[in-house]
Amino acid sequence: MSAACKRIMVIHAVAARAASVKLLKEATA
């Protein structure tokens, strides 16, 4: 696996986690 591919996967994971946290905050608000 190339470094660029790994970086994309990490960024995607962080973005997905941030999105889920945002959805949870909106749902509980």
PDB file of N, CA and C in Angstrom:
ATOM      1  N   MET A   1       0.854  -1.199   0.000  1.00  0.00           N
ATOM      2  CA  MET A   1       0.000   0.000   0.000  1.00  0.00           C
ATOM      3  C   MET A   1       0.886   1.244   0.000  1.00  0.00           C
ATOM      4  N   SER A   2       0.583   2.181  -0.857  1.00  0.00           N
ATOM      5  CA  SER A   2       1.401   3.387  -0.960  1.00  0.00           C
ATOM      6  C   SER A   2       1.093   4.355   0.178  1.00  0.00           C
ATOM      7  N   ALA A   3       2.002   5.283   0.402  1.00  0.00           N
ATOM      8  CA  ALA A   3       1.818   6.253   1.481  1.00  0.00           C
ATOM      9  C   ALA A   3       0.616   7.152   1.199  1.00  0.00           C
ATOM     10  N   ALA A   4       0.418   7.512  -0.060  1.00  0.00           N
ATOM     11  CA  ALA A   4      -0.707   8.384  -0.411  1.00  0.00           C
ATOM     12  C   ALA A   4      -2.029   7.688  -0.113  1.00  0.00           C
ATOM     13  N   CYS A   5      -2.087   6.395  -0.423  1.00  0.00           N
ATOM     14  CA  CYS A   5      -3.320   5.641  -0.172  1.00  0.00           C
ATOM     15  C   CYS A   5      -3.591   5.576   1.326  1.00  0.00           C
ATOM     16  N   LYS A   6      -2.534   5.355   2.101  1.00  0.00           N
ATOM     17  CA  LYS A   6      -2.696   5.299   3.555  1.00  0.00           C
ATOM     18  C   LYS A   6      -3.193   6.635   4.088  1.00  0.00           C
ATOM     19  N   ARG A   7      -2.622   7.718   3.550  1.00  0.00           N
ATOM     20  CA  ARG A   7      -3.016   9.046   4.014  1.00  0.00           C
ATOM     21  C   ARG A   7      -4.488   9.296   3.713  1.00  0.00           C
ATOM     22  N   ILE A   8      -4.931   8.891   2.513  1.00  0.00           N
ATOM     23  CA  ILE A   8      -6.338   9.074   2.139  1.00  0.00           C
ATOM     24  C   ILE A   8      -7.236   8.292   3.094  1.00  0.00           C
ATOM     25  N   MET A   9      -6.823   7.068   3.438  1.00  0.00           N
ATOM     26  CA  MET A   9      -7.630   6.248   4.344  1.00  0.00           C
ATOM     27  C   MET A   9      -7.724   6.895   5.719  1.00  0.00           C
ATOM     28  N   VAL A  10      -6.608   7.454   6.200  1.00  0.00           N
ATOM     29  CA  VAL A  10      -6.610   8.100   7.514  1.00  0.00           C
ATOM     30  C   VAL A  10      -7.518   9.325   7.500  1.00  0.00           C
ATOM     31  N   ILE A  11      -7.388  10.151   6.463  1.00  0.00           N
ATOM     32  CA  ILE A  11      -8.221  11.354   6.366  1.00  0.00           C
ATOM     33  C   ILE A  11      -9.696  10.965   6.308  1.00  0.00           C
ATOM     34  N   HIS A  12     -10.006   9.918   5.540  1.00  0.00           N
ATOM     35  CA  HIS A  12     -11.395   9.474   5.410  1.00  0.00           C
ATOM     36  C   HIS A  12     -11.932   9.000   6.756  1.00  0.00           C
ATOM     37  N   ALA A  13     -11.115   8.268   7.506  1.00  0.00           N
ATOM     38  CA  ALA A  13     -11.554   7.770   8.811  1.00  0.00           C
ATOM     39  C   ALA A  13     -11.814   8.929   9.773  1.00  0.00           C
ATOM     40  N   VAL A  14     -10.917   9.913   9.773  1.00  0.00           N
ATOM     41  CA  VAL A  14     -11.089  11.067  10.654  1.00  0.00           C
ATOM     42  C   VAL A  14     -12.339  11.848  10.265  1.00  0.00           C
ATOM     43  N   ALA A  15     -12.551  12.036   8.966  1.00  0.00           N
ATOM     44  CA  ALA A  15     -13.726  12.777   8.504  1.00  0.00           C
ATOM     45  C   ALA A  15     -15.009  12.039   8.866  1.00  0.00           C
ATOM     46  N   ALA A  16     -15.003  10.712   8.717  1.00  0.00           N
ATOM     47  CA  ALA A  16     -16.196   9.928   9.038  1.00  0.00           C
ATOM     48  C   ALA A  16     -16.500  10.020  10.532  1.00  0.00           C
ATOM     49  N   ARG A  17     -15.446   9.972  11.357  1.00  0.00           N
ATOM     50  CA  ARG A  17     -15.647  10.065  12.808  1.00  0.00           C
ATOM     51  C   ARG A  17     -16.190  11.436  13.177  1.00  0.00           C
ATOM     52  N   ALA A  18     -15.646  12.487  12.561  1.00  0.00           N
ATOM     53  CA  ALA A  18     -16.114  13.838  12.853  1.00  0.00           C
ATOM     54  C   ALA A  18     -17.575  13.993  12.440  1.00  0.00           C
ATOM     55  N   ALA A  19     -17.944  13.401  11.302  1.00  0.00           N
ATOM     56  CA  ALA A  19     -19.321  13.498  10.823  1.00  0.00           C
ATOM     57  C   ALA A  19     -20.269  12.775  11.775  1.00  0.00           C
ATOM     58  N   SER A  20     -19.861  11.613  12.266  1.00  0.00           N
ATOM     59  CA  SER A  20     -20.725  10.854  13.178  1.00  0.00           C
ATOM     60  C   SER A  20     -20.895  11.604  14.494  1.00  0.00           C
ATOM     61  N   VAL A  21     -19.824  12.235  14.973  1.00  0.00           N
ATOM     62  CA  VAL A  21     -19.915  13.021  16.205  1.00  0.00           C
ATOM     63  C   VAL A  21     -20.863  14.196  15.995  1.00  0.00           C
ATOM     64  N   LYS A  22     -20.769  14.838  14.844  1.00  0.00           N
ATOM     65  CA  LYS A  22     -21.640  15.974  14.544  1.00  0.00           C
ATOM     66  C   LYS A  22     -23.099  15.536  14.506  1.00  0.00           C
ATOM     67  N   LEU A  23     -23.353  14.367  13.880  1.00  0.00           N
ATOM     68  CA  LEU A  23     -24.722  13.862  13.810  1.00  0.00           C
ATOM     69  C   LEU A  23     -25.246  13.549  15.204  1.00  0.00           C
ATOM     70  N   LEU A  24     -24.391  12.954  16.048  1.00  0.00           N
ATOM     71  CA  LEU A  24     -24.824  12.630  17.412  1.00  0.00           C
ATOM     72  C   LEU A  24     -25.165  13.906  18.184  1.00  0.00           C
ATOM     73  N   LYS A  25     -24.354  14.933  18.032  1.00  0.00           N
ATOM     74  CA  LYS A  25     -24.615  16.190  18.738  1.00  0.00           C
ATOM     75  C   LYS A  25     -25.926  16.809  18.257  1.00  0.00           C
ATOM     76  N   GLU A  26     -26.188  16.753  16.944  1.00  0.00           N
ATOM     77  CA  GLU A  26     -27.431  17.316  16.420  1.00  0.00           C
ATOM     78  C   GLU A  26     -28.632  16.501  16.891  1.00  0.00           C
ATOM     79  N   ALA A  27     -28.458  15.179  17.023  1.00  0.00           N
ATOM     80  CA  ALA A  27     -29.565  14.319  17.434  1.00  0.00           C
ATOM     81  C   ALA A  27     -29.910  14.544  18.906  1.00  0.00           C
ATOM     82  N   THR A  28     -28.895  14.810  19.729  1.00  0.00           N
ATOM     83  CA  THR A  28     -29.141  14.983  21.159  1.00  0.00           C
ATOM     84  C   THR A  28     -29.512  16.425  21.495  1.00  0.00           C
ATOM     85  N   ALA A  29     -29.241  17.353  20.604  1.00  0.00           N
ATOM     86  CA  ALA A  29     -29.526  18.761  20.865  1.00  0.00           C
ATOM     87  C   ALA A  29     -31.032  19.026  20.814  1.00  0.00           C
TER      88      ALA A  29
END
